[in-house]
Amino acid sequence: DRMIHIELTQEQANSLLQLIDIAIKAGGYQNAKVGVPIADIIIAAAGAARMVTAAHVKPGATVIDVGVTRIDNKIVGDVDFEAVQAIAGAITPMPGGTGPMTIACLLENTLEAARMMGAI
């Protein structure tokens, strides 16, 4: 499997959310706002600062923020943390949420690759 990375401007991200909204509503979910309020788990990884707001999150949902954007020398995620934490059942902070797991997985994969190459 290959991973594909796509960077979007805020306008492009909004357009993508509108397309998702259309697709979800076409599937019969007429009350969904931009598709995601019906989700039990949201993984935000668009790279668009604070794109996911409380209006997008179903009460009690688990929200995982993987997006990273620098604004005024500060790192923020794709989720409006302050607004969403009030309704989410669980939420990762940004920074400090998924980063340690990403590093751990990277190190584990590097070690496995070294073993496969016979380096260790």
PDB file of N, CA and C in Angstrom:
ATOM      1  N   ASP A   1       0.829  -1.188   0.000  1.00  0.00           N
ATOM      2  CA  ASP A   1       0.000   0.000   0.000  1.00  0.00           C
ATOM      3  C   ASP A   1       0.870   1.246   0.000  1.00  0.00           C
ATOM      4  N   ARG A   2       0.401   2.281  -0.675  1.00  0.00           N
ATOM      5  CA  ARG A   2       1.105   3.562  -0.717  1.00  0.00           C
ATOM      6  C   ARG A   2       0.293   4.610   0.010  1.00  0.00           C
ATOM      7  N   MET A   3       0.990   5.490   0.701  1.00  0.00           N
ATOM      8  CA  MET A   3       0.323   6.605   1.348  1.00  0.00           C
ATOM      9  C   MET A   3       0.392   7.805   0.423  1.00  0.00           C
ATOM     10  N   ILE A   4      -0.700   8.516   0.301  1.00  0.00           N
ATOM     11  CA  ILE A   4      -0.747   9.710  -0.536  1.00  0.00           C
ATOM     12  C   ILE A   4      -0.934  10.910   0.369  1.00  0.00           C
ATOM     13  N   HIS A   5      -0.114  11.917   0.179  1.00  0.00           N
ATOM     14  CA  HIS A   5      -0.203  13.154   0.969  1.00  0.00           C
ATOM     15  C   HIS A   5      -0.707  14.260   0.058  1.00  0.00           C
ATOM     16  N   ILE A   6      -1.761  14.922   0.480  1.00  0.00           N
ATOM     17  CA  ILE A   6      -2.333  16.017  -0.290  1.00  0.00           C
ATOM     18  C   ILE A   6      -2.426  17.243   0.613  1.00  0.00           C
ATOM     19  N   GLU A   7      -1.882  18.360   0.143  1.00  0.00           N
ATOM     20  CA  GLU A   7      -2.018  19.597   0.890  1.00  0.00           C
ATOM     21  C   GLU A   7      -3.111  20.433   0.244  1.00  0.00           C
ATOM     22  N   LEU A   8      -3.985  20.983   1.082  1.00  0.00           N
ATOM     23  CA  LEU A   8      -5.108  21.766   0.592  1.00  0.00           C
ATOM     24  C   LEU A   8      -5.074  23.171   1.178  1.00  0.00           C
ATOM     25  N   THR A   9      -5.500  24.133   0.392  1.00  0.00           N
ATOM     26  CA  THR A   9      -5.732  25.464   0.934  1.00  0.00           C
ATOM     27  C   THR A   9      -7.043  25.408   1.708  1.00  0.00           C
ATOM     28  N   GLN A  10      -7.322  26.441   2.504  1.00  0.00           N
ATOM     29  CA  GLN A  10      -8.584  26.459   3.249  1.00  0.00           C
ATOM     30  C   GLN A  10      -9.767  26.404   2.289  1.00  0.00           C
ATOM     31  N   GLU A  11      -9.673  27.102   1.171  1.00  0.00           N
ATOM     32  CA  GLU A  11     -10.760  27.089   0.179  1.00  0.00           C
ATOM     33  C   GLU A  11     -10.955  25.696  -0.402  1.00  0.00           C
ATOM     34  N   GLN A  12      -9.859  25.012  -0.710  1.00  0.00           N
ATOM     35  CA  GLN A  12      -9.949  23.657  -1.242  1.00  0.00           C
ATOM     36  C   GLN A  12     -10.536  22.704  -0.200  1.00  0.00           C
ATOM     37  N   ALA A  13     -10.116  22.871   1.063  1.00  0.00           N
ATOM     38  CA  ALA A  13     -10.640  22.018   2.128  1.00  0.00           C
ATOM     39  C   ALA A  13     -12.144  22.227   2.293  1.00  0.00           C
ATOM     40  N   ASN A  14     -12.588  23.475   2.235  1.00  0.00           N
ATOM     41  CA  ASN A  14     -14.025  23.755   2.328  1.00  0.00           C
ATOM     42  C   ASN A  14     -14.783  23.134   1.164  1.00  0.00           C
ATOM     43  N   SER A  15     -14.201  23.196  -0.038  1.00  0.00           N
ATOM     44  CA  SER A  15     -14.839  22.587  -1.211  1.00  0.00           C
ATOM     45  C   SER A  15     -14.936  21.080  -1.035  1.00  0.00           C
ATOM     46  N   LEU A  16     -13.880  20.472  -0.490  1.00  0.00           N
ATOM     47  CA  LEU A  16     -13.891  19.029  -0.249  1.00  0.00           C
ATOM     48  C   LEU A  16     -14.976  18.671   0.753  1.00  0.00           C
ATOM     49  N   LEU A  17     -15.123  19.458   1.815  1.00  0.00           N
ATOM     50  CA  LEU A  17     -16.178  19.200   2.793  1.00  0.00           C
ATOM     51  C   LEU A  17     -17.560  19.322   2.166  1.00  0.00           C
ATOM     52  N   GLN A  18     -17.718  20.262   1.245  1.00  0.00           N
ATOM     53  CA  GLN A  18     -19.009  20.400   0.562  1.00  0.00           C
ATOM     54  C   GLN A  18     -19.300  19.168  -0.290  1.00  0.00           C
ATOM     55  N   LEU A  19     -18.270  18.635  -0.944  1.00  0.00           N
ATOM     56  CA  LEU A  19     -18.454  17.413  -1.738  1.00  0.00           C
ATOM     57  C   LEU A  19     -18.814  16.234  -0.846  1.00  0.00           C
ATOM     58  N   ILE A  20     -18.164  16.153   0.306  1.00  0.00           N
ATOM     59  CA  ILE A  20     -18.488  15.083   1.255  1.00  0.00           C
ATOM     60  C   ILE A  20     -19.933  15.230   1.715  1.00  0.00           C
ATOM     61  N   ASP A  21     -20.338  16.456   1.982  1.00  0.00           N
ATOM     62  CA  ASP A  21     -21.706  16.735   2.402  1.00  0.00           C
ATOM     63  C   ASP A  21     -22.701  16.246   1.358  1.00  0.00           C
ATOM     64  N   ILE A  22     -22.429  16.543   0.100  1.00  0.00           N
ATOM     65  CA  ILE A  22     -23.299  16.111  -1.000  1.00  0.00           C
ATOM     66  C   ILE A  22     -23.362  14.592  -1.056  1.00  0.00           C
ATOM     67  N   ALA A  23     -22.209  13.938  -0.931  1.00  0.00           N
ATOM     68  CA  ALA A  23     -22.152  12.476  -1.000  1.00  0.00           C
ATOM     69  C   ALA A  23     -22.906  11.838   0.165  1.00  0.00           C
ATOM     70  N   ILE A  24     -22.735  12.385   1.362  1.00  0.00           N
ATOM     71  CA  ILE A  24     -23.426  11.841   2.534  1.00  0.00           C
ATOM     72  C   ILE A  24     -24.945  12.005   2.383  1.00  0.00           C
ATOM     73  N   LYS A  25     -25.358  13.195   1.960  1.00  0.00           N
ATOM     74  CA  LYS A  25     -26.796  13.431   1.796  1.00  0.00           C
ATOM     75  C   LYS A  25     -27.381  12.567   0.688  1.00  0.00           C
ATOM     76  N   ALA A  26     -26.593  12.304  -0.345  1.00  0.00           N
ATOM     77  CA  ALA A  26     -27.056  11.423  -1.422  1.00  0.00           C
ATOM     78  C   ALA A  26     -27.256  10.003  -0.902  1.00  0.00           C
ATOM     79  N   GLY A  27     -26.517   9.676   0.163  1.00  0.00           N
ATOM     80  CA  GLY A  27     -26.646   8.357   0.779  1.00  0.00           C
ATOM     81  C   GLY A  27     -27.803   8.256   1.761  1.00  0.00           C
ATOM     82  N   GLY A  28     -28.564   9.341   1.912  1.00  0.00           N
ATOM     83  CA  GLY A  28     -29.741   9.286   2.766  1.00  0.00           C
ATOM     84  C   GLY A  28     -29.593   9.939   4.126  1.00  0.00           C
ATOM     85  N   TYR A  29     -28.461  10.570   4.395  1.00  0.00           N
ATOM     86  CA  TYR A  29     -28.251  11.217   5.688  1.00  0.00           C
ATOM     87  C   TYR A  29     -28.555  12.709   5.556  1.00  0.00           C
ATOM     88  N   GLN A  30     -29.827  13.052   5.423  1.00  0.00           N
ATOM     89  CA  GLN A  30     -30.234  14.429   5.141  1.00  0.00           C
ATOM     90  C   GLN A  30     -29.905  15.414   6.248  1.00  0.00           C
ATOM     91  N   ASN A  31     -29.807  14.968   7.486  1.00  0.00           N
ATOM     92  CA  ASN A  31     -29.566  15.889   8.589  1.00  0.00           C
ATOM     93  C   ASN A  31     -28.085  16.100   8.887  1.00  0.00           C
ATOM     94  N   ALA A  32     -27.225  15.477   8.129  1.00  0.00           N
ATOM     95  CA  ALA A  32     -25.791  15.597   8.384  1.00  0.00           C
ATOM     96  C   ALA A  32     -25.281  16.958   7.944  1.00  0.00           C
ATOM     97  N   LYS A  33     -24.518  17.620   8.810  1.00  0.00           N
ATOM     98  CA  LYS A  33     -23.885  18.895   8.456  1.00  0.00           C
ATOM     99  C   LYS A  33     -22.478  18.580   8.010  1.00  0.00           C
ATOM    100  N   VAL A  34     -22.214  18.773   6.757  1.00  0.00           N
ATOM    101  CA  VAL A  34     -20.930  18.521   6.131  1.00  0.00           C
ATOM    102  C   VAL A  34     -20.461  17.088   6.392  1.00  0.00           C
ATOM    103  N   GLY A  35     -21.405  16.193   6.557  1.00  0.00           N
ATOM    104  CA  GLY A  35     -21.076  14.782   6.592  1.00  0.00           C
ATOM    105  C   GLY A  35     -20.583  14.215   7.894  1.00  0.00           C
ATOM    106  N   VAL A  36     -19.785  14.908   8.680  1.00  0.00           N
ATOM    107  CA  VAL A  36     -19.150  14.269   9.813  1.00  0.00           C
ATOM    108  C   VAL A  36     -19.925  14.210  11.114  1.00  0.00           C
ATOM    109  N   PRO A  37     -21.008  14.995  11.363  1.00  0.00           N
ATOM    110  CA  PRO A  37     -21.673  14.853  12.649  1.00  0.00           C
ATOM    111  C   PRO A  37     -22.286  13.475  12.898  1.00  0.00           C
ATOM    112  N   ILE A  38     -22.357  12.632  11.892  1.00  0.00           N
ATOM    113  CA  ILE A  38     -22.869  11.285  12.085  1.00  0.00           C
ATOM    114  C   ILE A  38     -21.760  10.309  12.476  1.00  0.00           C
ATOM    115  N   ALA A  39     -20.506  10.772  12.426  1.00  0.00           N
ATOM    116  CA  ALA A  39     -19.361   9.886  12.678  1.00  0.00           C
ATOM    117  C   ALA A  39     -19.108   9.702  14.169  1.00  0.00           C
ATOM    118  N   ASP A  40     -18.800   8.471  14.556  1.00  0.00           N
ATOM    119  CA  ASP A  40     -18.402   8.188  15.931  1.00  0.00           C
ATOM    120  C   ASP A  40     -16.920   8.486  16.144  1.00  0.00           C
ATOM    121  N   ILE A  41     -16.147   8.394  15.060  1.00  0.00           N
ATOM    122  CA  ILE A  41     -14.707   8.674  15.112  1.00  0.00           C
ATOM    123  C   ILE A  41     -14.368   9.613  13.967  1.00  0.00           C
ATOM    124  N   ILE A  42     -13.664  10.688  14.280  1.00  0.00           N
ATOM    125  CA  ILE A  42     -13.210  11.632  13.264  1.00  0.00           C
ATOM    126  C   ILE A  42     -11.687  11.691  13.340  1.00  0.00           C
ATOM    127  N   ILE A  43     -11.039  11.496  12.203  1.00  0.00           N
ATOM    128  CA  ILE A  43      -9.596  11.667  12.116  1.00  0.00           C
ATOM    129  C   ILE A  43      -9.358  12.837  11.179  1.00  0.00           C
ATOM    130  N   ALA A  44      -8.892  13.945  11.748  1.00  0.00           N
ATOM    131  CA  ALA A  44      -8.668  15.163  10.978  1.00  0.00           C
ATOM    132  C   ALA A  44      -7.204  15.226  10.566  1.00  0.00           C
ATOM    133  N   ALA A  45      -6.971  15.175   9.257  1.00  0.00           N
ATOM    134  CA  ALA A  45      -5.596  15.169   8.752  1.00  0.00           C
ATOM    135  C   ALA A  45      -5.498  15.951   7.454  1.00  0.00           C
ATOM    136  N   ALA A  46      -6.172  17.088   7.371  1.00  0.00           N
ATOM    137  CA  ALA A  46      -6.204  17.876   6.142  1.00  0.00           C
ATOM    138  C   ALA A  46      -5.119  18.935   6.081  1.00  0.00           C
ATOM    139  N   GLY A  47      -4.536  19.290   7.222  1.00  0.00           N
ATOM    140  CA  GLY A  47      -3.541  20.354   7.233  1.00  0.00           C
ATOM    141  C   GLY A  47      -4.155  21.730   7.094  1.00  0.00           C
ATOM    142  N   ALA A  48      -5.404  21.881   7.519  1.00  0.00           N
ATOM    143  CA  ALA A  48      -6.118  23.162   7.464  1.00  0.00           C
ATOM    144  C   ALA A  48      -6.474  23.559   8.894  1.00  0.00           C
ATOM    145  N   ALA A  49      -5.848  24.594   9.389  1.00  0.00           N
ATOM    146  CA  ALA A  49      -5.969  24.989  10.791  1.00  0.00           C
ATOM    147  C   ALA A  49      -7.415  25.169  11.239  1.00  0.00           C
ATOM    148  N   ARG A  50      -7.754  24.480  12.325  1.00  0.00           N
ATOM    149  CA  ARG A  50      -9.059  24.600  12.993  1.00  0.00           C
ATOM    150  C   ARG A  50     -10.254  24.416  12.049  1.00  0.00           C
ATOM    151  N   MET A  51     -10.091  23.582  11.059  1.00  0.00           N
ATOM    152  CA  MET A  51     -11.125  23.337  10.059  1.00  0.00           C
ATOM    153  C   MET A  51     -12.338  22.604  10.648  1.00  0.00           C
ATOM    154  N   VAL A  52     -12.101  21.690  11.571  1.00  0.00           N
ATOM    155  CA  VAL A  52     -13.185  20.929  12.185  1.00  0.00           C
ATOM    156  C   VAL A  52     -13.654  21.693  13.420  1.00  0.00           C
ATOM    157  N   THR A  53     -14.907  22.118  13.391  1.00  0.00           N
ATOM    158  CA  THR A  53     -15.473  22.888  14.493  1.00  0.00           C
ATOM    159  C   THR A  53     -16.472  22.034  15.268  1.00  0.00           C
ATOM    160  N   ALA A  54     -17.000  22.575  16.341  1.00  0.00           N
ATOM    161  CA  ALA A  54     -17.994  21.850  17.138  1.00  0.00           C
ATOM    162  C   ALA A  54     -19.219  21.491  16.301  1.00  0.00           C
ATOM    163  N   ALA A  55     -19.536  22.298  15.303  1.00  0.00           N
ATOM    164  CA  ALA A  55     -20.692  22.022  14.441  1.00  0.00           C
ATOM    165  C   ALA A  55     -20.506  20.759  13.607  1.00  0.00           C
ATOM    166  N   HIS A  56     -19.271  20.309  13.450  1.00  0.00           N
ATOM    167  CA  HIS A  56     -18.985  19.120  12.648  1.00  0.00           C
ATOM    168  C   HIS A  56     -18.948  17.837  13.477  1.00  0.00           C
ATOM    169  N   VAL A  57     -19.029  17.944  14.795  1.00  0.00           N
ATOM    170  CA  VAL A  57     -18.761  16.798  15.668  1.00  0.00           C
ATOM    171  C   VAL A  57     -20.016  16.338  16.392  1.00  0.00           C
ATOM    172  N   LYS A  58     -20.267  15.053  16.299  1.00  0.00           N
ATOM    173  CA  LYS A  58     -21.377  14.422  17.005  1.00  0.00           C
ATOM    174  C   LYS A  58     -21.032  14.363  18.499  1.00  0.00           C
ATOM    175  N   PRO A  59     -21.951  14.707  19.385  1.00  0.00           N
ATOM    176  CA  PRO A  59     -21.664  14.615  20.818  1.00  0.00           C
ATOM    177  C   PRO A  59     -21.192  13.216  21.209  1.00  0.00           C
ATOM    178  N   GLY A  60     -20.098  13.169  21.957  1.00  0.00           N
ATOM    179  CA  GLY A  60     -19.535  11.904  22.395  1.00  0.00           C
ATOM    180  C   GLY A  60     -18.562  11.268  21.428  1.00  0.00           C
ATOM    181  N   ALA A  61     -18.367  11.864  20.260  1.00  0.00           N
ATOM    182  CA  ALA A  61     -17.465  11.289  19.256  1.00  0.00           C
ATOM    183  C   ALA A  61     -16.011  11.334  19.729  1.00  0.00           C
ATOM    184  N   THR A  62     -15.212  10.458  19.179  1.00  0.00           N
ATOM    185  CA  THR A  62     -13.766  10.469  19.408  1.00  0.00           C
ATOM    186  C   THR A  62     -13.136  11.246  18.269  1.00  0.00           C
ATOM    187  N   VAL A  63     -12.310  12.234  18.607  1.00  0.00           N
ATOM    188  CA  VAL A  63     -11.703  13.110  17.609  1.00  0.00           C
ATOM    189  C   VAL A  63     -10.187  12.991  17.707  1.00  0.00           C
ATOM    190  N   ILE A  64      -9.565  12.581  16.605  1.00  0.00           N
ATOM    191  CA  ILE A  64      -8.110  12.439  16.534  1.00  0.00           C
ATOM    192  C   ILE A  64      -7.588  13.484  15.562  1.00  0.00           C
ATOM    193  N   ASP A  65      -6.789  14.407  16.077  1.00  0.00           N
ATOM    194  CA  ASP A  65      -6.261  15.510  15.278  1.00  0.00           C
ATOM    195  C   ASP A  65      -4.826  15.207  14.878  1.00  0.00           C
ATOM    196  N   VAL A  66      -4.618  14.983  13.589  1.00  0.00           N
ATOM    197  CA  VAL A  66      -3.301  14.666  13.057  1.00  0.00           C
ATOM    198  C   VAL A  66      -2.721  15.853  12.291  1.00  0.00           C
ATOM    199  N   GLY A  67      -3.556  16.800  11.904  1.00  0.00           N
ATOM    200  CA  GLY A  67      -3.117  17.947  11.112  1.00  0.00           C
ATOM    201  C   GLY A  67      -2.196  18.872  11.888  1.00  0.00           C
ATOM    202  N   VAL A  68      -1.234  19.437  11.183  1.00  0.00           N
ATOM    203  CA  VAL A  68      -0.280  20.362  11.798  1.00  0.00           C
ATOM    204  C   VAL A  68      -0.165  21.604  10.923  1.00  0.00           C
ATOM    205  N   THR A  69      -0.410  22.761  11.535  1.00  0.00           N
ATOM    206  CA  THR A  69      -0.264  24.038  10.838  1.00  0.00           C
ATOM    207  C   THR A  69       0.410  25.011  11.795  1.00  0.00           C
ATOM    208  N   ARG A  70       1.316  25.824  11.266  1.00  0.00           N
ATOM    209  CA  ARG A  70       1.959  26.864  12.087  1.00  0.00           C
ATOM    210  C   ARG A  70       1.247  28.188  11.829  1.00  0.00           C
ATOM    211  N   ILE A  71       0.810  28.811  12.914  1.00  0.00           N
ATOM    212  CA  ILE A  71       0.205  30.133  12.850  1.00  0.00           C
ATOM    213  C   ILE A  71       0.881  30.989  13.915  1.00  0.00           C
ATOM    214  N   ASP A  72       1.507  32.081  13.482  1.00  0.00           N
ATOM    215  CA  ASP A  72       2.202  32.979  14.416  1.00  0.00           C
ATOM    216  C   ASP A  72       3.167  32.217  15.318  1.00  0.00           C
ATOM    217  N   ASN A  73       4.002  31.358  14.716  1.00  0.00           N
ATOM    218  CA  ASN A  73       5.002  30.566  15.445  1.00  0.00           C
ATOM    219  C   ASN A  73       4.391  29.626  16.485  1.00  0.00           C
ATOM    220  N   LYS A  74       3.142  29.267  16.314  1.00  0.00           N
ATOM    221  CA  LYS A  74       2.462  28.342  17.204  1.00  0.00           C
ATOM    222  C   LYS A  74       1.904  27.199  16.363  1.00  0.00           C
ATOM    223  N   ILE A  75       1.973  25.987  16.884  1.00  0.00           N
ATOM    224  CA  ILE A  75       1.438  24.837  16.172  1.00  0.00           C
ATOM    225  C   ILE A  75      -0.024  24.648  16.568  1.00  0.00           C
ATOM    226  N   VAL A  76      -0.894  24.551  15.567  1.00  0.00           N
ATOM    227  CA  VAL A  76      -2.306  24.259  15.789  1.00  0.00           C
ATOM    228  C   VAL A  76      -2.706  23.084  14.912  1.00  0.00           C
ATOM    229  N   GLY A  77      -3.787  22.438  15.275  1.00  0.00           N
ATOM    230  CA  GLY A  77      -4.256  21.291  14.515  1.00  0.00           C
ATOM    231  C   GLY A  77      -5.418  21.632  13.607  1.00  0.00           C
ATOM    232  N   ASP A  78      -5.975  20.602  13.004  1.00  0.00           N
ATOM    233  CA  ASP A  78      -7.128  20.750  12.114  1.00  0.00           C
ATOM    234  C   ASP A  78      -8.422  20.928  12.899  1.00  0.00           C
ATOM    235  N   VAL A  79      -8.391  20.635  14.199  1.00  0.00           N
ATOM    236  CA  VAL A  79      -9.581  20.696  15.031  1.00  0.00           C
ATOM    237  C   VAL A  79      -9.525  21.941  15.913  1.00  0.00           C
ATOM    238  N   ASP A  80     -10.657  22.633  16.011  1.00  0.00           N
ATOM    239  CA  ASP A  80     -10.780  23.759  16.937  1.00  0.00           C
ATOM    240  C   ASP A  80     -10.921  23.153  18.334  1.00  0.00           C
ATOM    241  N   PHE A  81      -9.772  22.885  18.952  1.00  0.00           N
ATOM    242  CA  PHE A  81      -9.718  22.108  20.192  1.00  0.00           C
ATOM    243  C   PHE A  81     -10.614  22.676  21.282  1.00  0.00           C
ATOM    244  N   GLU A  82     -10.540  23.961  21.529  1.00  0.00           N
ATOM    245  CA  GLU A  82     -11.309  24.572  22.617  1.00  0.00           C
ATOM    246  C   GLU A  82     -12.806  24.337  22.448  1.00  0.00           C
ATOM    247  N   ALA A  83     -13.316  24.486  21.244  1.00  0.00           N
ATOM    248  CA  ALA A  83     -14.747  24.313  21.002  1.00  0.00           C
ATOM    249  C   ALA A  83     -15.164  22.843  20.988  1.00  0.00           C
ATOM    250  N   VAL A  84     -14.337  22.003  20.393  1.00  0.00           N
ATOM    251  CA  VAL A  84     -14.702  20.595  20.201  1.00  0.00           C
ATOM    252  C   VAL A  84     -14.573  19.788  21.487  1.00  0.00           C
ATOM    253  N   GLN A  85     -13.620  20.124  22.349  1.00  0.00           N
ATOM    254  CA  GLN A  85     -13.427  19.314  23.555  1.00  0.00           C
ATOM    255  C   GLN A  85     -14.660  19.318  24.459  1.00  0.00           C
ATOM    256  N   ALA A  86     -15.485  20.350  24.352  1.00  0.00           N
ATOM    257  CA  ALA A  86     -16.686  20.433  25.176  1.00  0.00           C
ATOM    258  C   ALA A  86     -17.745  19.394  24.799  1.00  0.00           C
ATOM    259  N   ILE A  87     -17.719  18.915  23.550  1.00  0.00           N
ATOM    260  CA  ILE A  87     -18.748  17.948  23.127  1.00  0.00           C
ATOM    261  C   ILE A  87     -18.194  16.578  22.767  1.00  0.00           C
ATOM    262  N   ALA A  88     -16.890  16.494  22.506  1.00  0.00           N
ATOM    263  CA  ALA A  88     -16.291  15.206  22.132  1.00  0.00           C
ATOM    264  C   ALA A  88     -16.187  14.298  23.356  1.00  0.00           C
ATOM    265  N   GLY A  89     -16.312  12.994  23.128  1.00  0.00           N
ATOM    266  CA  GLY A  89     -16.109  12.029  24.197  1.00  0.00           C
ATOM    267  C   GLY A  89     -14.637  11.888  24.530  1.00  0.00           C
ATOM    268  N   ALA A  90     -13.802  12.017  23.499  1.00  0.00           N
ATOM    269  CA  ALA A  90     -12.344  11.963  23.651  1.00  0.00           C
ATOM    270  C   ALA A  90     -11.734  12.757  22.509  1.00  0.00           C
ATOM    271  N   ILE A  91     -10.618  13.429  22.794  1.00  0.00           N
ATOM    272  CA  ILE A  91      -9.971  14.257  21.765  1.00  0.00           C
ATOM    273  C   ILE A  91      -8.473  14.299  22.030  1.00  0.00           C
ATOM    274  N   THR A  92      -7.694  14.255  20.952  1.00  0.00           N
ATOM    275  CA  THR A  92      -6.249  14.393  21.092  1.00  0.00           C
ATOM    276  C   THR A  92      -5.877  15.869  20.983  1.00  0.00           C
ATOM    277  N   PRO A  93      -4.940  16.318  21.797  1.00  0.00           N
ATOM    278  CA  PRO A  93      -4.502  17.704  21.687  1.00  0.00           C
ATOM    279  C   PRO A  93      -3.511  17.869  20.542  1.00  0.00           C
ATOM    280  N   MET A  94      -3.299  19.093  20.134  1.00  0.00           N
ATOM    281  CA  MET A  94      -2.278  19.384  19.130  1.00  0.00           C
ATOM    282  C   MET A  94      -1.630  20.687  19.553  1.00  0.00           C
ATOM    283  N   PRO A  95      -0.342  20.683  19.805  1.00  0.00           N
ATOM    284  CA  PRO A  95       0.613  19.569  19.708  1.00  0.00           C
ATOM    285  C   PRO A  95       0.538  18.627  20.920  1.00  0.00           C
ATOM    286  N   GLY A  96       1.245  17.525  20.793  1.00  0.00           N
ATOM    287  CA  GLY A  96       1.368  16.590  21.903  1.00  0.00           C
ATOM    288  C   GLY A  96       0.408  15.422  21.882  1.00  0.00           C
ATOM    289  N   GLY A  97      -0.412  15.313  20.869  1.00  0.00           N
ATOM    290  CA  GLY A  97      -1.383  14.222  20.830  1.00  0.00           C
ATOM    291  C   GLY A  97      -0.870  12.996  20.103  1.00  0.00           C
ATOM    292  N   THR A  98      -0.863  13.057  18.779  1.00  0.00           N
ATOM    293  CA  THR A  98      -0.480  11.888  17.981  1.00  0.00           C
ATOM    294  C   THR A  98       1.009  11.836  17.675  1.00  0.00           C
ATOM    295  N   GLY A  99       1.737  12.914  17.904  1.00  0.00           N
ATOM    296  CA  GLY A  99       3.172  12.966  17.590  1.00  0.00           C
ATOM    297  C   GLY A  99       3.989  11.853  18.213  1.00  0.00           C
ATOM    298  N   PRO A 100       3.865  11.616  19.532  1.00  0.00           N
ATOM    299  CA  PRO A 100       4.646  10.539  20.154  1.00  0.00           C
ATOM    300  C   PRO A 100       4.363   9.165  19.542  1.00  0.00           C
ATOM    301  N   MET A 101       3.097   8.906  19.167  1.00  0.00           N
ATOM    302  CA  MET A 101       2.765   7.621  18.534  1.00  0.00           C
ATOM    303  C   MET A 101       3.375   7.535  17.139  1.00  0.00           C
ATOM    304  N   THR A 102       3.348   8.636  16.405  1.00  0.00           N
ATOM    305  CA  THR A 102       3.955   8.674  15.076  1.00  0.00           C
ATOM    306  C   THR A 102       5.440   8.365  15.165  1.00  0.00           C
ATOM    307  N   ILE A 103       6.123   8.978  16.121  1.00  0.00           N
ATOM    308  CA  ILE A 103       7.560   8.743  16.302  1.00  0.00           C
ATOM    309  C   ILE A 103       7.823   7.300  16.693  1.00  0.00           C
ATOM    310  N   ALA A 104       7.021   6.759  17.598  1.00  0.00           N
ATOM    311  CA  ALA A 104       7.196   5.365  18.017  1.00  0.00           C
ATOM    312  C   ALA A 104       7.027   4.405  16.841  1.00  0.00           C
ATOM    313  N   CYS A 105       6.008   4.642  16.008  1.00  0.00           N
ATOM    314  CA  CYS A 105       5.788   3.782  14.840  1.00  0.00           C
ATOM    315  C   CYS A 105       6.915   3.916  13.826  1.00  0.00           C
ATOM    316  N   LEU A 106       7.400   5.128  13.627  1.00  0.00           N
ATOM    317  CA  LEU A 106       8.521   5.351  12.716  1.00  0.00           C
ATOM    318  C   LEU A 106       9.760   4.596  13.190  1.00  0.00           C
ATOM    319  N   LEU A 107      10.058   4.677  14.477  1.00  0.00           N
ATOM    320  CA  LEU A 107      11.211   3.958  15.021  1.00  0.00           C
ATOM    321  C   LEU A 107      11.032   2.446  14.913  1.00  0.00           C
ATOM    322  N   GLU A 108       9.827   1.970  15.187  1.00  0.00           N
ATOM    323  CA  GLU A 108       9.551   0.540  15.070  1.00  0.00           C
ATOM    324  C   GLU A 108       9.748   0.066  13.629  1.00  0.00           C
ATOM    325  N   ASN A 109       9.245   0.824  12.656  1.00  0.00           N
ATOM    326  CA  ASN A 109       9.403   0.456  11.250  1.00  0.00           C
ATOM    327  C   ASN A 109      10.854   0.530  10.805  1.00  0.00           C
ATOM    328  N   THR A 110      11.601   1.509  11.311  1.00  0.00           N
ATOM    329  CA  THR A 110      13.027   1.622  10.980  1.00  0.00           C
ATOM    330  C   THR A 110      13.792   0.411  11.511  1.00  0.00           C
ATOM    331  N   LEU A 111      13.496   0.017  12.734  1.00  0.00           N
ATOM    332  CA  LEU A 111      14.125  -1.161  13.330  1.00  0.00           C
ATOM    333  C   LEU A 111      13.791  -2.421  12.533  1.00  0.00           C
ATOM    334  N   GLU A 112      12.532  -2.574  12.148  1.00  0.00           N
ATOM    335  CA  GLU A 112      12.113  -3.734  11.352  1.00  0.00           C
ATOM    336  C   GLU A 112      12.813  -3.751   9.995  1.00  0.00           C
ATOM    337  N   ALA A 113      12.947  -2.592   9.364  1.00  0.00           N
ATOM    338  CA  ALA A 113      13.648  -2.515   8.080  1.00  0.00           C
ATOM    339  C   ALA A 113      15.112  -2.899   8.230  1.00  0.00           C
ATOM    340  N   ALA A 114      15.730  -2.451   9.318  1.00  0.00           N
ATOM    341  CA  ALA A 114      17.132  -2.811   9.564  1.00  0.00           C
ATOM    342  C   ALA A 114      17.269  -4.305   9.760  1.00  0.00           C
ATOM    343  N   ARG A 115      16.332  -4.921  10.474  1.00  0.00           N
ATOM    344  CA  ARG A 115      16.349  -6.376  10.665  1.00  0.00           C
ATOM    345  C   ARG A 115      16.197  -7.091   9.318  1.00  0.00           C
ATOM    346  N   MET A 116      15.278  -6.614   8.494  1.00  0.00           N
ATOM    347  CA  MET A 116      15.040  -7.245   7.197  1.00  0.00           C
ATOM    348  C   MET A 116      16.270  -7.157   6.289  1.00  0.00           C
ATOM    349  N   MET A 117      17.041  -6.099   6.455  1.00  0.00           N
ATOM    350  CA  MET A 117      18.254  -5.918   5.642  1.00  0.00           C
ATOM    351  C   MET A 117      19.454  -6.638   6.247  1.00  0.00           C
ATOM    352  N   GLY A 118      19.251  -7.233   7.419  1.00  0.00           N
ATOM    353  CA  GLY A 118      20.338  -7.955   8.073  1.00  0.00           C
ATOM    354  C   GLY A 118      21.345  -7.036   8.764  1.00  0.00           C
ATOM    355  N   ALA A 119      20.979  -5.797   8.980  1.00  0.00           N
ATOM    356  CA  ALA A 119      21.890  -4.842   9.613  1.00  0.00           C
ATOM    357  C   ALA A 119      21.987  -5.061  11.115  1.00  0.00           C
ATOM    358  N   ILE A 120      20.976  -5.684  11.670  1.00  0.00           N
ATOM    359  CA  ILE A 120      21.022  -5.988  13.119  1.00  0.00           C
ATOM    360  C   ILE A 120      20.503  -7.378  13.377  1.00  0.00           C
TER     361      ILE A 120
END
